[in-house]
């Protein structure tokens, strides 16, 4: 990230502009909050998200670093009942999952014996994708046609297939997304 050098008095007379707003025309030394961090404009700009262009904004302070990735990981032991809700997660921080779930992994400790085993991924109870395991395979394949954004109070869940398998057990899922 680039850095801007200025005297200690440069920011004293500049008002705090509050949360970043895409419609505001920011000028040199305007300060805003965005993504849990404080930013200072280093040139005049409009509709440039802080942290996306180091020629427009410099980081002043951050409570959690700049890494935008989010890892959602869960392990559920044992066999799965028909159509069982395997996991349910109440969203407490906005995030997005990419189309195709690139970088995400799904594995079973014991492979299915009776046929393809398809878990359903859901957002607020509606299907948004699947995680499929072939017969004898412990590595799953995601089907996730479009990116999905989650906001606080949304619920992400995974449901087991409608038909129980006598062997498939121990689901581990790690999903890679981005914080919003």
N, C-alpha and C. Protein backbone atom coordinates (compact mmCIF):
# COMPACT_ATOMS: atom_id res chain seq x y z
N UNK A 1 0.85 -1.17 0.00
CA UNK A 1 0.00 0.00 0.00
C UNK A 1 0.89 1.22 0.00
N UNK A 2 0.54 2.22 -0.80
CA UNK A 2 1.33 3.44 -0.84
C UNK A 2 1.14 4.21 0.46
N UNK A 3 2.06 5.12 0.70
CA UNK A 3 1.90 5.94 1.90
C UNK A 3 2.05 7.40 1.52
N UNK A 4 1.41 8.22 2.26
CA UNK A 4 1.42 9.65 2.02
C UNK A 4 2.08 10.30 3.23
N UNK A 5 3.03 11.17 2.99
CA UNK A 5 3.71 11.84 4.08
C UNK A 5 3.18 13.26 4.18
N UNK A 6 2.77 13.65 5.37
CA UNK A 6 2.28 15.00 5.58
C UNK A 6 2.54 15.39 7.02
N UNK A 7 2.52 16.70 7.25
CA UNK A 7 2.77 17.21 8.60
C UNK A 7 1.67 16.84 9.57
N UNK A 8 1.99 16.88 10.84
CA UNK A 8 1.04 16.49 11.89
C UNK A 8 -0.20 17.37 11.90
N UNK A 9 -0.11 18.60 11.42
CA UNK A 9 -1.26 19.51 11.44
C UNK A 9 -2.20 19.33 10.24
N UNK A 10 -1.83 18.50 9.29
CA UNK A 10 -2.61 18.37 8.05
C UNK A 10 -4.05 17.92 8.30
N UNK A 11 -4.28 17.03 9.26
CA UNK A 11 -5.61 16.51 9.50
C UNK A 11 -6.39 17.25 10.59
N UNK A 12 -5.74 18.15 11.29
CA UNK A 12 -6.37 18.80 12.43
C UNK A 12 -7.63 19.56 12.04
N UNK A 13 -7.63 20.26 10.93
CA UNK A 13 -8.77 21.07 10.54
C UNK A 13 -9.72 20.37 9.57
N UNK A 14 -9.52 19.08 9.33
CA UNK A 14 -10.40 18.34 8.42
C UNK A 14 -11.46 17.61 9.23
N UNK A 15 -12.72 17.79 8.86
CA UNK A 15 -13.79 17.10 9.61
C UNK A 15 -13.83 15.61 9.29
N UNK A 16 -14.26 14.86 10.26
CA UNK A 16 -14.54 13.44 10.08
C UNK A 16 -15.78 13.36 9.22
N UNK A 17 -15.72 12.63 8.10
CA UNK A 17 -16.85 12.57 7.17
C UNK A 17 -17.81 11.41 7.48
N UNK A 18 -17.45 10.57 8.44
CA UNK A 18 -18.33 9.46 8.81
C UNK A 18 -18.16 8.28 7.87
N UNK A 19 -19.19 7.42 7.78
CA UNK A 19 -19.10 6.26 6.90
C UNK A 19 -18.93 6.68 5.43
N UNK A 20 -18.09 5.93 4.70
CA UNK A 20 -17.88 6.21 3.28
C UNK A 20 -19.20 6.15 2.52
N UNK A 21 -19.39 7.06 1.57
CA UNK A 21 -20.62 7.14 0.78
C UNK A 21 -20.21 7.30 -0.69
N UNK A 22 -20.70 6.42 -1.55
CA UNK A 22 -20.30 6.41 -2.97
C UNK A 22 -20.70 7.69 -3.70
N UNK A 23 -21.62 8.47 -3.17
CA UNK A 23 -22.10 9.68 -3.87
C UNK A 23 -21.35 10.95 -3.47
N UNK A 24 -20.51 10.86 -2.46
CA UNK A 24 -19.80 12.05 -1.96
C UNK A 24 -18.51 12.27 -2.74
N UNK A 25 -18.22 13.52 -3.05
CA UNK A 25 -16.96 13.89 -3.67
C UNK A 25 -15.97 14.19 -2.55
N UNK A 26 -15.01 13.28 -2.32
CA UNK A 26 -14.03 13.45 -1.26
C UNK A 26 -12.82 14.22 -1.79
N UNK A 27 -12.26 15.07 -0.91
CA UNK A 27 -11.09 15.86 -1.28
C UNK A 27 -9.92 15.47 -0.37
N UNK A 28 -8.75 15.97 -0.71
CA UNK A 28 -7.52 15.66 0.01
C UNK A 28 -7.71 15.78 1.53
N UNK A 29 -7.33 14.76 2.25
CA UNK A 29 -7.35 14.65 3.70
C UNK A 29 -8.73 14.41 4.32
N UNK A 30 -9.79 14.23 3.49
CA UNK A 30 -11.07 13.81 4.05
C UNK A 30 -10.88 12.43 4.68
N UNK A 31 -11.49 12.21 5.83
CA UNK A 31 -11.37 10.92 6.51
C UNK A 31 -12.74 10.27 6.65
N UNK A 32 -12.76 8.94 6.45
CA UNK A 32 -14.01 8.17 6.48
C UNK A 32 -13.77 6.83 7.17
N UNK A 33 -14.89 6.16 7.47
CA UNK A 33 -14.79 4.78 7.93
C UNK A 33 -15.34 3.88 6.84
N UNK A 34 -14.73 2.72 6.69
CA UNK A 34 -15.21 1.72 5.73
C UNK A 34 -14.63 0.36 6.11
N UNK A 35 -15.48 -0.64 6.18
CA UNK A 35 -15.02 -2.00 6.44
C UNK A 35 -14.31 -2.18 7.77
N UNK A 36 -14.71 -1.41 8.78
CA UNK A 36 -14.09 -1.54 10.08
C UNK A 36 -12.77 -0.80 10.22
N UNK A 37 -12.42 0.00 9.22
CA UNK A 37 -11.17 0.75 9.24
C UNK A 37 -11.43 2.22 8.98
N UNK A 38 -10.41 3.06 9.27
CA UNK A 38 -10.47 4.49 8.98
C UNK A 38 -9.53 4.77 7.80
N UNK A 39 -9.99 5.63 6.90
CA UNK A 39 -9.25 5.92 5.67
C UNK A 39 -9.11 7.42 5.48
N UNK A 40 -8.03 7.86 4.80
CA UNK A 40 -7.83 9.25 4.45
C UNK A 40 -7.67 9.34 2.93
N UNK A 41 -8.41 10.31 2.35
CA UNK A 41 -8.30 10.54 0.90
C UNK A 41 -6.97 11.21 0.61
N UNK A 42 -6.25 10.71 -0.39
CA UNK A 42 -4.96 11.32 -0.76
C UNK A 42 -5.06 12.09 -2.07
N UNK A 43 -6.22 12.01 -2.72
CA UNK A 43 -6.56 12.84 -3.88
C UNK A 43 -8.08 12.97 -3.91
N UNK A 44 -8.59 13.92 -4.66
CA UNK A 44 -10.03 14.06 -4.83
C UNK A 44 -10.56 12.83 -5.56
N UNK A 45 -11.68 12.28 -5.07
CA UNK A 45 -12.26 11.11 -5.72
C UNK A 45 -13.73 10.98 -5.35
N UNK A 46 -14.47 10.29 -6.21
CA UNK A 46 -15.88 9.98 -5.99
C UNK A 46 -16.10 8.53 -6.38
N UNK A 47 -16.84 7.80 -5.57
CA UNK A 47 -17.22 6.42 -5.84
C UNK A 47 -16.01 5.48 -5.97
N UNK A 48 -14.95 5.74 -5.23
CA UNK A 48 -13.80 4.82 -5.17
C UNK A 48 -13.80 4.23 -3.77
N UNK A 49 -14.07 2.95 -3.65
CA UNK A 49 -14.17 2.30 -2.35
C UNK A 49 -12.81 2.29 -1.66
N UNK A 50 -12.74 2.78 -0.42
CA UNK A 50 -11.47 2.74 0.31
C UNK A 50 -10.91 1.31 0.36
N UNK A 51 -9.62 1.20 0.13
CA UNK A 51 -8.96 -0.10 0.15
C UNK A 51 -8.88 -0.76 -1.21
N UNK A 52 -9.55 -0.19 -2.23
CA UNK A 52 -9.51 -0.79 -3.56
C UNK A 52 -8.54 -0.09 -4.49
N UNK A 53 -8.10 1.11 -4.15
CA UNK A 53 -7.19 1.87 -4.99
C UNK A 53 -6.25 2.69 -4.10
N UNK A 54 -5.01 2.23 -3.99
CA UNK A 54 -4.03 2.87 -3.11
C UNK A 54 -3.60 4.24 -3.61
N UNK A 55 -4.00 4.62 -4.83
CA UNK A 55 -3.69 5.97 -5.32
C UNK A 55 -4.75 6.98 -4.91
N UNK A 56 -5.83 6.50 -4.27
CA UNK A 56 -6.92 7.39 -3.85
C UNK A 56 -7.10 7.46 -2.34
N UNK A 57 -6.83 6.32 -1.64
CA UNK A 57 -7.07 6.24 -0.19
C UNK A 57 -5.88 5.61 0.50
N UNK A 58 -5.58 6.09 1.70
CA UNK A 58 -4.58 5.45 2.58
C UNK A 58 -5.27 5.01 3.86
N UNK A 59 -4.85 3.89 4.37
CA UNK A 59 -5.37 3.36 5.63
C UNK A 59 -4.83 4.19 6.79
N UNK A 60 -5.75 4.63 7.67
CA UNK A 60 -5.33 5.33 8.89
C UNK A 60 -5.26 4.36 10.06
N UNK A 61 -6.32 3.57 10.24
CA UNK A 61 -6.36 2.64 11.37
C UNK A 61 -7.26 1.47 10.99
N UNK A 62 -6.91 0.30 11.51
CA UNK A 62 -7.71 -0.89 11.23
C UNK A 62 -7.78 -1.75 12.47
N UNK A 63 -8.96 -2.32 12.72
CA UNK A 63 -9.09 -3.20 13.87
C UNK A 63 -8.89 -4.65 13.50
N UNK A 64 -8.83 -4.95 12.18
CA UNK A 64 -8.73 -6.35 11.83
C UNK A 64 -7.93 -6.65 10.59
N UNK A 65 -7.09 -5.78 10.15
CA UNK A 65 -6.30 -6.07 8.97
C UNK A 65 -7.11 -5.87 7.69
N UNK A 66 -6.44 -6.08 6.56
CA UNK A 66 -7.06 -5.81 5.28
C UNK A 66 -7.47 -7.06 4.53
N UNK A 67 -7.23 -8.23 5.07
CA UNK A 67 -7.55 -9.46 4.37
C UNK A 67 -9.07 -9.61 4.24
N UNK A 68 -9.59 -9.57 3.01
CA UNK A 68 -11.04 -9.62 2.82
C UNK A 68 -11.59 -11.05 2.81
N UNK A 69 -10.73 -12.07 2.92
CA UNK A 69 -11.23 -13.43 2.82
C UNK A 69 -11.98 -13.85 4.08
N UNK A 70 -12.88 -14.78 3.88
CA UNK A 70 -13.67 -15.34 4.96
C UNK A 70 -13.66 -16.86 4.78
N UNK A 71 -13.31 -17.58 5.82
CA UNK A 71 -13.35 -19.03 5.78
C UNK A 71 -14.43 -19.51 6.73
N UNK A 72 -15.35 -20.26 6.18
CA UNK A 72 -16.45 -20.82 6.95
C UNK A 72 -16.22 -22.32 6.97
N UNK A 73 -15.85 -22.87 8.13
CA UNK A 73 -15.50 -24.28 8.21
C UNK A 73 -16.34 -24.99 9.26
N UNK A 74 -16.75 -26.23 8.93
CA UNK A 74 -17.56 -27.01 9.85
C UNK A 74 -17.30 -28.49 9.61
N UNK A 75 -17.39 -29.26 10.68
CA UNK A 75 -17.31 -30.72 10.58
C UNK A 75 -18.50 -31.31 11.33
N UNK A 76 -19.19 -32.24 10.68
CA UNK A 76 -20.34 -32.90 11.29
C UNK A 76 -20.07 -34.40 11.27
N UNK A 77 -19.88 -35.03 12.43
CA UNK A 77 -19.57 -36.47 12.47
C UNK A 77 -20.82 -37.33 12.25
N UNK A 78 -20.59 -38.58 11.97
CA UNK A 78 -21.67 -39.57 11.92
C UNK A 78 -22.41 -39.66 10.61
N UNK A 79 -23.40 -40.58 10.61
CA UNK A 79 -24.29 -40.76 9.46
C UNK A 79 -25.33 -39.66 9.44
N UNK A 80 -26.01 -39.51 8.32
CA UNK A 80 -26.99 -38.45 8.17
C UNK A 80 -28.37 -39.03 7.92
N UNK A 81 -29.36 -38.51 8.64
CA UNK A 81 -30.75 -38.92 8.43
C UNK A 81 -31.28 -38.30 7.15
N UNK A 82 -32.32 -38.86 6.60
CA UNK A 82 -32.94 -38.33 5.38
C UNK A 82 -33.37 -36.88 5.56
N UNK A 83 -32.92 -36.03 4.66
CA UNK A 83 -33.27 -34.60 4.63
C UNK A 83 -32.91 -33.84 5.91
N UNK A 84 -32.02 -34.39 6.71
CA UNK A 84 -31.58 -33.75 7.96
C UNK A 84 -30.88 -32.43 7.68
N UNK A 85 -31.22 -31.41 8.47
CA UNK A 85 -30.46 -30.17 8.41
C UNK A 85 -29.15 -30.44 9.15
N UNK A 86 -28.08 -30.51 8.39
CA UNK A 86 -26.77 -30.90 8.93
C UNK A 86 -26.12 -29.76 9.69
N UNK A 87 -26.18 -28.56 9.12
CA UNK A 87 -25.68 -27.37 9.81
C UNK A 87 -26.62 -26.21 9.55
N UNK A 88 -26.62 -25.27 10.47
CA UNK A 88 -27.36 -24.03 10.31
C UNK A 88 -26.53 -22.94 10.99
N UNK A 89 -26.19 -21.92 10.22
CA UNK A 89 -25.34 -20.85 10.74
C UNK A 89 -26.07 -19.52 10.61
N UNK A 90 -26.25 -18.82 11.72
CA UNK A 90 -26.81 -17.48 11.72
C UNK A 90 -25.70 -16.51 11.34
N UNK A 91 -25.91 -15.73 10.31
CA UNK A 91 -24.89 -14.81 9.82
C UNK A 91 -24.79 -13.61 10.77
N UNK A 92 -23.58 -13.33 11.23
CA UNK A 92 -23.35 -12.19 12.13
C UNK A 92 -22.48 -11.11 11.48
N UNK A 93 -21.94 -11.41 10.30
CA UNK A 93 -21.15 -10.43 9.55
C UNK A 93 -21.41 -10.68 8.07
N UNK A 94 -21.69 -9.61 7.32
CA UNK A 94 -21.98 -9.73 5.90
C UNK A 94 -20.81 -10.37 5.15
N UNK A 95 -21.13 -11.28 4.23
CA UNK A 95 -20.11 -11.92 3.40
C UNK A 95 -20.74 -12.38 2.09
N UNK A 96 -19.88 -12.75 1.15
CA UNK A 96 -20.33 -13.27 -0.15
C UNK A 96 -19.60 -14.55 -0.46
N UNK A 97 -20.30 -15.46 -1.13
CA UNK A 97 -19.71 -16.69 -1.64
C UNK A 97 -19.68 -16.58 -3.15
N UNK A 98 -18.54 -16.93 -3.80
CA UNK A 98 -18.42 -16.75 -5.25
C UNK A 98 -19.13 -17.82 -6.06
N UNK A 99 -19.45 -17.49 -7.28
CA UNK A 99 -20.00 -18.46 -8.22
C UNK A 99 -19.04 -19.64 -8.33
N UNK A 100 -19.56 -20.85 -8.30
CA UNK A 100 -18.72 -22.05 -8.38
C UNK A 100 -18.04 -22.42 -7.08
N UNK A 101 -18.11 -21.56 -6.08
CA UNK A 101 -17.45 -21.76 -4.78
C UNK A 101 -15.96 -22.08 -4.93
N UNK A 102 -15.31 -21.32 -5.80
CA UNK A 102 -13.88 -21.47 -6.04
C UNK A 102 -13.11 -21.40 -4.72
N UNK A 103 -12.22 -22.36 -4.49
CA UNK A 103 -11.42 -22.41 -3.27
C UNK A 103 -12.08 -23.13 -2.11
N UNK A 104 -13.32 -23.54 -2.28
CA UNK A 104 -14.04 -24.25 -1.22
C UNK A 104 -13.85 -25.75 -1.35
N UNK A 105 -13.94 -26.46 -0.23
CA UNK A 105 -13.73 -27.91 -0.22
C UNK A 105 -14.84 -28.60 0.56
N UNK A 106 -15.21 -29.78 0.09
CA UNK A 106 -16.17 -30.62 0.81
C UNK A 106 -15.67 -32.05 0.78
N UNK A 107 -15.58 -32.67 1.95
CA UNK A 107 -15.11 -34.05 2.03
C UNK A 107 -15.99 -34.86 2.98
N UNK A 108 -15.98 -36.15 2.78
CA UNK A 108 -16.63 -37.09 3.69
C UNK A 108 -15.56 -37.98 4.29
N UNK A 109 -15.72 -38.35 5.54
CA UNK A 109 -14.78 -39.28 6.19
C UNK A 109 -14.95 -40.67 5.59
N UNK A 110 -16.22 -41.04 5.31
CA UNK A 110 -16.54 -42.33 4.69
C UNK A 110 -17.39 -42.06 3.46
N UNK A 111 -16.98 -42.60 2.32
CA UNK A 111 -17.66 -42.38 1.05
C UNK A 111 -19.03 -43.06 1.01
N UNK A 112 -19.95 -42.51 0.20
CA UNK A 112 -21.26 -43.15 0.04
C UNK A 112 -21.14 -44.50 -0.68
N UNK A 113 -22.01 -45.44 -0.31
CA UNK A 113 -21.97 -46.78 -0.90
C UNK A 113 -23.10 -47.00 -1.89
N UNK A 114 -24.21 -46.31 -1.72
CA UNK A 114 -25.41 -46.63 -2.49
C UNK A 114 -25.64 -45.81 -3.74
N UNK A 115 -24.91 -44.79 -4.02
CA UNK A 115 -25.13 -43.92 -5.18
C UNK A 115 -24.65 -42.52 -4.87
N UNK A 116 -24.86 -41.61 -5.80
CA UNK A 116 -24.48 -40.22 -5.55
C UNK A 116 -25.18 -39.71 -4.30
N UNK A 117 -24.48 -38.91 -3.55
CA UNK A 117 -24.98 -38.38 -2.29
C UNK A 117 -24.91 -36.87 -2.41
N UNK A 118 -26.06 -36.19 -2.45
CA UNK A 118 -26.11 -34.76 -2.76
C UNK A 118 -26.67 -33.96 -1.58
N UNK A 119 -25.81 -33.11 -1.01
CA UNK A 119 -26.22 -32.19 0.04
C UNK A 119 -26.74 -30.91 -0.63
N UNK A 120 -27.72 -30.26 0.00
CA UNK A 120 -28.29 -29.02 -0.52
C UNK A 120 -27.81 -27.85 0.32
N UNK A 121 -27.24 -26.84 -0.36
CA UNK A 121 -26.81 -25.60 0.29
C UNK A 121 -27.98 -24.63 0.22
N UNK A 122 -28.27 -23.96 1.35
CA UNK A 122 -29.44 -23.09 1.40
C UNK A 122 -29.12 -21.73 2.01
N UNK A 123 -29.86 -20.74 1.54
CA UNK A 123 -29.85 -19.39 2.12
C UNK A 123 -31.28 -19.11 2.54
N UNK A 124 -31.47 -18.91 3.83
CA UNK A 124 -32.80 -18.63 4.38
C UNK A 124 -33.84 -19.66 3.94
N UNK A 125 -33.42 -20.93 3.89
CA UNK A 125 -34.32 -22.02 3.57
C UNK A 125 -34.50 -22.33 2.10
N UNK A 126 -33.96 -21.50 1.20
CA UNK A 126 -34.08 -21.73 -0.24
C UNK A 126 -32.76 -22.27 -0.80
N UNK A 127 -32.87 -23.24 -1.67
CA UNK A 127 -31.69 -23.86 -2.27
C UNK A 127 -30.89 -22.86 -3.10
N UNK A 128 -29.56 -22.84 -2.89
CA UNK A 128 -28.67 -21.99 -3.67
C UNK A 128 -27.55 -22.79 -4.33
N UNK A 129 -27.49 -24.10 -4.04
CA UNK A 129 -26.45 -24.92 -4.64
C UNK A 129 -26.43 -26.30 -4.03
N UNK A 130 -25.47 -27.11 -4.49
CA UNK A 130 -25.34 -28.48 -4.00
C UNK A 130 -23.88 -28.84 -3.79
N UNK A 131 -23.69 -29.89 -3.02
CA UNK A 131 -22.38 -30.52 -2.81
C UNK A 131 -22.60 -32.00 -3.05
N UNK A 132 -22.02 -32.54 -4.13
CA UNK A 132 -22.27 -33.91 -4.56
C UNK A 132 -21.06 -34.81 -4.37
N UNK A 133 -21.32 -36.00 -3.81
CA UNK A 133 -20.30 -37.03 -3.64
C UNK A 133 -20.70 -38.24 -4.47
N UNK A 134 -19.81 -38.71 -5.34
CA UNK A 134 -20.08 -39.91 -6.12
C UNK A 134 -19.85 -41.16 -5.29
N UNK A 135 -20.35 -42.29 -5.77
CA UNK A 135 -20.16 -43.57 -5.08
C UNK A 135 -18.66 -43.81 -4.90
N UNK A 136 -18.25 -44.13 -3.68
CA UNK A 136 -16.86 -44.43 -3.38
C UNK A 136 -15.95 -43.21 -3.27
N UNK A 137 -16.49 -42.00 -3.42
CA UNK A 137 -15.66 -40.80 -3.39
C UNK A 137 -15.84 -40.03 -2.08
N UNK A 138 -14.72 -39.61 -1.51
CA UNK A 138 -14.76 -38.79 -0.29
C UNK A 138 -14.58 -37.31 -0.61
N UNK A 139 -14.35 -36.97 -1.88
CA UNK A 139 -14.21 -35.57 -2.30
C UNK A 139 -15.46 -35.14 -3.04
N UNK A 140 -16.04 -34.02 -2.60
CA UNK A 140 -17.27 -33.54 -3.20
C UNK A 140 -17.05 -32.49 -4.26
N UNK A 141 -18.08 -32.28 -5.06
CA UNK A 141 -18.07 -31.27 -6.11
C UNK A 141 -19.21 -30.30 -5.86
N UNK A 142 -18.87 -29.01 -5.83
CA UNK A 142 -19.89 -27.98 -5.62
C UNK A 142 -20.56 -27.60 -6.93
N UNK A 143 -21.84 -27.35 -6.87
CA UNK A 143 -22.59 -26.75 -7.97
C UNK A 143 -23.20 -25.49 -7.38
N UNK A 144 -22.75 -24.36 -7.86
CA UNK A 144 -23.14 -23.07 -7.28
C UNK A 144 -23.15 -22.08 -8.43
N UNK A 145 -24.30 -21.89 -9.06
CA UNK A 145 -24.40 -21.16 -10.32
C UNK A 145 -24.09 -19.68 -10.24
N UNK A 146 -24.45 -19.03 -9.15
CA UNK A 146 -24.20 -17.59 -9.06
C UNK A 146 -23.69 -17.23 -7.68
N UNK A 147 -22.98 -16.11 -7.60
CA UNK A 147 -22.49 -15.67 -6.30
C UNK A 147 -23.68 -15.33 -5.41
N UNK A 148 -23.47 -15.44 -4.12
CA UNK A 148 -24.53 -15.17 -3.14
C UNK A 148 -23.98 -14.25 -2.06
N UNK A 149 -24.72 -13.21 -1.75
CA UNK A 149 -24.35 -12.29 -0.67
C UNK A 149 -25.25 -12.56 0.53
N UNK A 150 -24.64 -12.58 1.71
CA UNK A 150 -25.35 -12.80 2.96
C UNK A 150 -25.21 -11.57 3.82
N UNK A 151 -26.29 -11.20 4.50
CA UNK A 151 -26.27 -10.06 5.42
C UNK A 151 -26.60 -10.56 6.82
N UNK A 152 -26.36 -9.72 7.81
CA UNK A 152 -26.65 -10.07 9.20
C UNK A 152 -28.11 -10.55 9.31
N UNK A 153 -28.29 -11.66 10.00
CA UNK A 153 -29.58 -12.30 10.26
C UNK A 153 -30.00 -13.29 9.18
N UNK A 154 -29.25 -13.36 8.04
CA UNK A 154 -29.50 -14.44 7.09
C UNK A 154 -29.09 -15.75 7.75
N UNK A 155 -29.55 -16.86 7.20
CA UNK A 155 -29.17 -18.18 7.71
C UNK A 155 -28.62 -19.01 6.56
N UNK A 156 -27.39 -19.49 6.72
CA UNK A 156 -26.78 -20.42 5.76
C UNK A 156 -26.91 -21.82 6.36
N UNK A 157 -27.40 -22.76 5.54
CA UNK A 157 -27.56 -24.12 6.06
C UNK A 157 -27.23 -25.15 4.98
N UNK A 158 -26.99 -26.36 5.44
CA UNK A 158 -26.74 -27.50 4.55
C UNK A 158 -27.65 -28.62 5.01
N UNK A 159 -28.38 -29.22 4.04
CA UNK A 159 -29.28 -30.34 4.33
C UNK A 159 -28.78 -31.60 3.66
N UNK A 160 -28.97 -32.74 4.34
CA UNK A 160 -28.58 -34.04 3.81
C UNK A 160 -29.56 -34.46 2.70
N UNK A 161 -29.15 -35.42 1.88
CA UNK A 161 -30.03 -35.93 0.83
C UNK A 161 -31.31 -36.54 1.39
N UNK A 162 -32.33 -36.61 0.54
CA UNK A 162 -33.62 -37.18 0.95
C UNK A 162 -33.52 -38.67 1.22
N UNK A 163 -32.57 -39.34 0.57
CA UNK A 163 -32.38 -40.78 0.77
C UNK A 163 -31.11 -41.00 1.56
N UNK A 164 -31.23 -41.68 2.68
CA UNK A 164 -30.09 -41.95 3.56
C UNK A 164 -29.16 -42.97 2.92
N UNK A 165 -27.85 -42.81 3.13
CA UNK A 165 -26.85 -43.76 2.66
C UNK A 165 -26.33 -44.50 3.88
N UNK A 166 -26.10 -45.81 3.74
CA UNK A 166 -25.67 -46.63 4.87
C UNK A 166 -24.23 -46.39 5.28
N UNK A 167 -23.44 -45.73 4.42
CA UNK A 167 -22.02 -45.56 4.71
C UNK A 167 -21.58 -44.11 4.84
N UNK A 168 -22.13 -43.21 4.02
CA UNK A 168 -21.67 -41.81 3.98
C UNK A 168 -21.72 -41.19 5.37
N UNK A 169 -20.57 -40.71 5.81
CA UNK A 169 -20.49 -40.15 7.17
C UNK A 169 -19.36 -39.14 7.27
N UNK A 170 -19.48 -38.27 8.26
CA UNK A 170 -18.41 -37.33 8.59
C UNK A 170 -18.19 -36.26 7.55
N UNK A 171 -19.10 -35.31 7.45
CA UNK A 171 -19.00 -34.22 6.47
C UNK A 171 -18.11 -33.10 7.00
N UNK A 172 -17.11 -32.73 6.20
CA UNK A 172 -16.26 -31.57 6.48
C UNK A 172 -16.40 -30.61 5.31
N UNK A 173 -16.74 -29.36 5.61
CA UNK A 173 -16.91 -28.34 4.58
C UNK A 173 -16.13 -27.11 4.99
N UNK A 174 -15.33 -26.60 4.07
CA UNK A 174 -14.66 -25.30 4.25
C UNK A 174 -15.00 -24.48 3.04
N UNK A 175 -15.69 -23.37 3.29
CA UNK A 175 -16.10 -22.51 2.18
C UNK A 175 -15.29 -21.23 2.23
N UNK A 176 -14.83 -20.81 1.06
CA UNK A 176 -14.03 -19.62 0.96
C UNK A 176 -14.84 -18.51 0.32
N UNK A 177 -15.00 -17.41 1.04
CA UNK A 177 -15.77 -16.28 0.54
C UNK A 177 -15.03 -14.99 0.83
N UNK A 178 -15.76 -13.90 0.76
CA UNK A 178 -15.18 -12.59 1.06
C UNK A 178 -16.08 -11.83 2.02
N UNK A 179 -15.46 -11.07 2.91
CA UNK A 179 -16.21 -10.22 3.82
C UNK A 179 -16.75 -9.04 3.02
N UNK A 180 -17.95 -8.62 3.35
CA UNK A 180 -18.52 -7.45 2.68
C UNK A 180 -18.37 -6.23 3.55
